[in-house]
């Protein structure tokens, strides 16, 4: 894990991008429903993600506490072994990043943000399939045939996260990102956990950059 987090620090420099992108409103049906609301998110091309930031709160928070890392698929059955490995990997990665940056909190309080993360799966029609939708982490839901039993559907997998004020519960950050990178194997194939790690690492990069930028005294 230490080796991978070091690599993440290098990748985070590459991931530093501008938020100046043309706004594209999300369509709620395209998402899992894990977040209470997707209406305030806009698509940021440079991040390859839908994003929300409460700019009035930028610089207010000094610490972050990790609330949960979960799997969520309303119409998609998760693979228990890969799911546990993936959620544990994200949890350990986030904790290591925040501890490394000196921003890890263990309890709520003033100037503390509460972070929740999820790997989510949405069953979609095969007619809407695009090549980039079949990312390695789709294996967490074992692909369309295993997860749904329907050959005309597939599982679109995303990484969702939300940060709220740990005292008031007000939303301060939210992100929904698809997998980044590619693999020779597709979601219906047998994948090992090691096949998922590159995508999980890049999701961690997304959050390191996103949350670090938002905290007090962070450039």
Protein backbone atom coordinates (compact mmCIF):
# COMPACT_ATOMS: atom_id res chain seq x y z
CA UNK A 1 0.00 0.00 0.00
CA UNK A 2 2.86 2.44 0.85
CA UNK A 3 4.35 1.92 -2.61
CA UNK A 4 1.00 2.59 -4.27
CA UNK A 5 0.32 5.71 -2.19
CA UNK A 6 3.73 7.08 -3.19
CA UNK A 7 2.74 6.53 -6.80
CA UNK A 8 -0.52 8.32 -6.09
CA UNK A 9 1.36 11.41 -4.94
CA UNK A 10 3.11 11.58 -8.30
CA UNK A 11 -0.12 10.96 -10.16
CA UNK A 12 -1.86 13.67 -8.16
CA UNK A 13 0.45 16.24 -9.73
CA UNK A 14 -0.64 15.05 -13.15
CA UNK A 15 -4.27 15.17 -12.03
CA UNK A 16 -4.10 18.91 -11.19
CA UNK A 17 -6.59 20.34 -13.65
CA UNK A 18 -8.72 23.42 -14.20
CA UNK A 19 -12.41 23.34 -13.34
CA UNK A 20 -13.25 25.67 -16.24
CA UNK A 21 -15.36 23.39 -18.38
CA UNK A 22 -18.69 23.77 -20.06
CA UNK A 23 -21.42 22.71 -17.67
CA UNK A 24 -23.37 19.58 -18.52
CA UNK A 25 -26.25 18.74 -16.21
CA UNK A 26 -26.50 15.09 -15.17
CA UNK A 27 -29.51 12.95 -15.93
CA UNK A 28 -30.64 11.29 -12.71
CA UNK A 29 -31.52 8.03 -14.47
CA UNK A 30 -27.87 7.61 -15.44
CA UNK A 31 -26.82 7.32 -11.81
CA UNK A 32 -27.22 4.79 -9.03
CA UNK A 33 -29.27 6.78 -6.54
CA UNK A 34 -26.61 6.43 -3.81
CA UNK A 35 -26.35 10.21 -3.54
CA UNK A 36 -29.49 11.93 -2.31
CA UNK A 37 -29.31 14.44 -5.17
CA UNK A 38 -27.39 14.76 -8.45
CA UNK A 39 -29.01 18.00 -9.58
CA UNK A 40 -26.20 20.32 -8.48
CA UNK A 41 -23.45 18.31 -10.18
CA UNK A 42 -21.94 19.50 -13.46
CA UNK A 43 -19.66 17.59 -15.82
CA UNK A 44 -16.02 18.70 -15.79
CA UNK A 45 -14.24 17.31 -18.84
CA UNK A 46 -10.73 17.71 -17.45
CA UNK A 47 -11.67 15.54 -14.47
CA UNK A 48 -13.82 13.12 -16.48
CA UNK A 49 -16.33 13.44 -13.67
CA UNK A 50 -19.50 15.12 -12.50
CA UNK A 51 -18.56 17.53 -9.75
CA UNK A 52 -20.03 19.84 -7.10
CA UNK A 53 -18.14 22.23 -4.85
CA UNK A 54 -19.61 24.68 -2.35
CA UNK A 55 -17.16 27.50 -2.99
CA UNK A 56 -18.46 29.46 0.01
CA UNK A 57 -16.96 26.74 2.20
CA UNK A 58 -13.56 26.55 0.48
CA UNK A 59 -10.77 27.02 3.02
CA UNK A 60 -13.10 26.55 6.00
CA UNK A 61 -12.18 22.93 6.78
CA UNK A 62 -8.91 21.70 8.25
CA UNK A 63 -9.61 17.99 8.80
CA UNK A 64 -11.52 15.14 7.16
CA UNK A 65 -13.03 12.08 8.82
CA UNK A 66 -13.89 9.00 6.75
CA UNK A 67 -17.46 7.92 7.45
CA UNK A 68 -17.87 4.92 5.14
CA UNK A 69 -16.82 3.17 1.95
CA UNK A 70 -19.63 1.05 0.55
CA UNK A 71 -20.88 -0.87 -2.47
CA UNK A 72 -24.24 0.15 -3.86
CA UNK A 73 -26.17 -1.25 -6.80
CA UNK A 74 -29.94 -0.92 -6.84
CA UNK A 75 -30.32 -3.44 -9.67
CA UNK A 76 -26.86 -5.00 -9.58
CA UNK A 77 -25.69 -7.82 -7.35
CA UNK A 78 -22.16 -7.28 -6.13
CA UNK A 79 -19.44 -9.90 -6.02
CA UNK A 80 -18.72 -10.30 -2.32
CA UNK A 81 -15.00 -11.12 -2.47
CA UNK A 82 -14.02 -8.48 -5.03
CA UNK A 83 -16.39 -5.99 -3.45
CA UNK A 84 -14.85 -6.36 0.00
CA UNK A 85 -11.33 -6.18 -1.41
CA UNK A 86 -12.13 -3.06 -3.43
CA UNK A 87 -13.91 -1.18 -0.65
CA UNK A 88 -11.17 -2.11 1.83
CA UNK A 89 -8.53 -0.91 -0.64
CA UNK A 90 -10.25 2.46 -1.08
CA UNK A 91 -10.73 2.81 2.67
CA UNK A 92 -7.08 2.08 3.45
CA UNK A 93 -5.94 4.34 0.60
CA UNK A 94 -8.03 7.30 1.73
CA UNK A 95 -6.92 6.94 5.35
CA UNK A 96 -3.26 6.73 4.30
CA UNK A 97 -3.57 9.81 2.08
CA UNK A 98 -5.23 11.94 4.76
CA UNK A 99 -2.82 10.76 7.45
CA UNK A 100 0.11 11.54 5.14
CA UNK A 101 -1.21 15.06 4.58
CA UNK A 102 -1.96 15.58 8.26
CA UNK A 103 -5.69 16.15 7.76
CA UNK A 104 -7.17 12.93 9.17
CA UNK A 105 -9.84 13.37 11.85
CA UNK A 106 -11.36 10.59 13.92
CA UNK A 107 -14.43 12.41 15.23
CA UNK A 108 -16.76 15.20 14.08
CA UNK A 109 -16.33 18.80 15.10
CA UNK A 110 -15.91 22.38 13.86
CA UNK A 111 -13.84 22.64 10.67
CA UNK A 112 -14.10 18.86 10.15
CA UNK A 113 -15.60 17.43 6.96
CA UNK A 114 -17.23 13.98 6.85
CA UNK A 115 -16.42 11.88 3.76
CA UNK A 116 -18.48 9.00 2.37
CA UNK A 117 -17.48 6.97 -0.70
CA UNK A 118 -19.17 4.26 -2.76
CA UNK A 119 -18.54 2.01 -5.73
CA UNK A 120 -21.89 2.00 -7.50
CA UNK A 121 -23.40 -0.10 -10.26
CA UNK A 122 -26.28 0.77 -12.56
CA UNK A 123 -27.98 -1.73 -14.88
CA UNK A 124 -28.32 -0.22 -18.36
CA UNK A 125 -29.50 -1.31 -21.77
CA UNK A 126 -26.87 -2.79 -24.08
CA UNK A 127 -28.04 -0.37 -26.78
CA UNK A 128 -26.48 2.51 -24.85
CA UNK A 129 -23.18 0.70 -24.37
CA UNK A 130 -19.99 2.63 -25.05
CA UNK A 131 -16.53 1.11 -24.92
CA UNK A 132 -15.34 3.29 -22.05
CA UNK A 133 -18.24 2.21 -19.85
CA UNK A 134 -16.81 -1.27 -19.42
CA UNK A 135 -14.11 -0.42 -16.91
CA UNK A 136 -12.24 -3.06 -14.87
CA UNK A 137 -14.15 -2.33 -11.67
CA UNK A 138 -17.30 -3.56 -13.39
CA UNK A 139 -16.08 -6.95 -12.19
CA UNK A 140 -17.23 -5.95 -8.70
CA UNK A 141 -20.74 -6.51 -10.05
CA UNK A 142 -19.68 -9.45 -12.22
CA UNK A 143 -20.92 -8.04 -15.50
CA UNK A 144 -24.36 -8.20 -17.05
CA UNK A 145 -24.70 -11.96 -17.38
CA UNK A 146 -23.69 -12.69 -13.80
CA UNK A 147 -25.25 -9.67 -12.12
CA UNK A 148 -28.55 -9.41 -13.96
CA UNK A 149 -29.02 -12.63 -15.91
CA UNK A 150 -30.07 -10.43 -18.82
CA UNK A 151 -27.91 -10.59 -21.95
CA UNK A 152 -29.38 -7.27 -23.14
CA UNK A 153 -28.02 -5.26 -20.23
CA UNK A 154 -24.67 -4.43 -18.71
CA UNK A 155 -23.47 -2.90 -15.44
CA UNK A 156 -22.15 0.66 -15.64
CA UNK A 157 -19.86 1.19 -12.67
CA UNK A 158 -18.95 4.53 -11.12
CA UNK A 159 -17.10 5.96 -8.15
CA UNK A 160 -19.24 8.32 -6.07
CA UNK A 161 -18.26 10.42 -3.11
CA UNK A 162 -19.70 13.13 -0.92
CA UNK A 163 -18.23 15.35 1.77
CA UNK A 164 -20.49 17.08 4.26
CA UNK A 165 -20.02 19.34 7.25
CA UNK A 166 -19.56 16.92 10.16
CA UNK A 167 -21.68 19.10 12.45
CA UNK A 168 -24.49 20.44 10.24
CA UNK A 169 -24.59 17.78 7.51
CA UNK A 170 -24.46 20.43 4.76
CA UNK A 171 -23.05 19.13 1.44
CA UNK A 172 -19.72 20.74 0.60
CA UNK A 173 -18.31 18.44 -2.09
CA UNK A 174 -19.59 15.68 -4.35
CA UNK A 175 -18.09 13.75 -7.24
CA UNK A 176 -19.22 10.99 -9.60
CA UNK A 177 -16.49 9.51 -11.80
CA UNK A 178 -16.30 6.62 -14.21
CA UNK A 179 -13.28 4.38 -14.35
CA UNK A 180 -10.13 5.78 -15.87
CA UNK A 181 -7.82 3.59 -17.89
CA UNK A 182 -8.48 0.40 -19.79
CA UNK A 183 -7.89 -3.33 -19.71
CA UNK A 184 -7.85 -6.13 -22.24
CA UNK A 185 -10.49 -7.88 -20.19
CA UNK A 186 -14.07 -6.68 -20.10
CA UNK A 187 -16.66 -6.72 -17.37
CA UNK A 188 -18.04 -10.16 -18.24
CA UNK A 189 -14.63 -11.82 -18.05
CA UNK A 190 -13.04 -13.35 -15.00
CA UNK A 191 -10.97 -10.62 -13.37
CA UNK A 192 -8.67 -10.77 -10.37
CA UNK A 193 -8.40 -8.02 -7.80
CA UNK A 194 -5.06 -6.92 -9.26
CA UNK A 195 -6.90 -6.04 -12.49
CA UNK A 196 -9.00 -3.55 -10.54
CA UNK A 197 -6.18 -1.82 -8.66
CA UNK A 198 -5.13 0.69 -11.39
CA UNK A 199 -8.65 2.09 -11.59
CA UNK A 200 -8.99 2.21 -7.81
CA UNK A 201 -5.66 4.05 -7.61
CA UNK A 202 -6.82 6.66 -10.08
CA UNK A 203 -10.07 7.14 -8.17
CA UNK A 204 -7.93 7.80 -5.09
CA UNK A 205 -6.00 10.39 -7.09
CA UNK A 206 -9.29 12.10 -7.92
CA UNK A 207 -10.19 12.38 -4.26
CA UNK A 208 -6.76 13.40 -3.06
CA UNK A 209 -6.78 16.31 -5.47
CA UNK A 210 -10.43 17.21 -4.92
CA UNK A 211 -10.39 17.21 -1.12
CA UNK A 212 -6.89 18.69 -0.72
CA UNK A 213 -7.82 21.67 -2.88
CA UNK A 214 -10.81 22.34 -0.68
CA UNK A 215 -9.15 22.27 2.72
CA UNK A 216 -7.80 25.30 4.55
CA UNK A 217 -4.22 26.30 3.70
CA UNK A 218 -4.16 24.03 0.64
CA UNK A 219 -3.20 25.46 -2.75
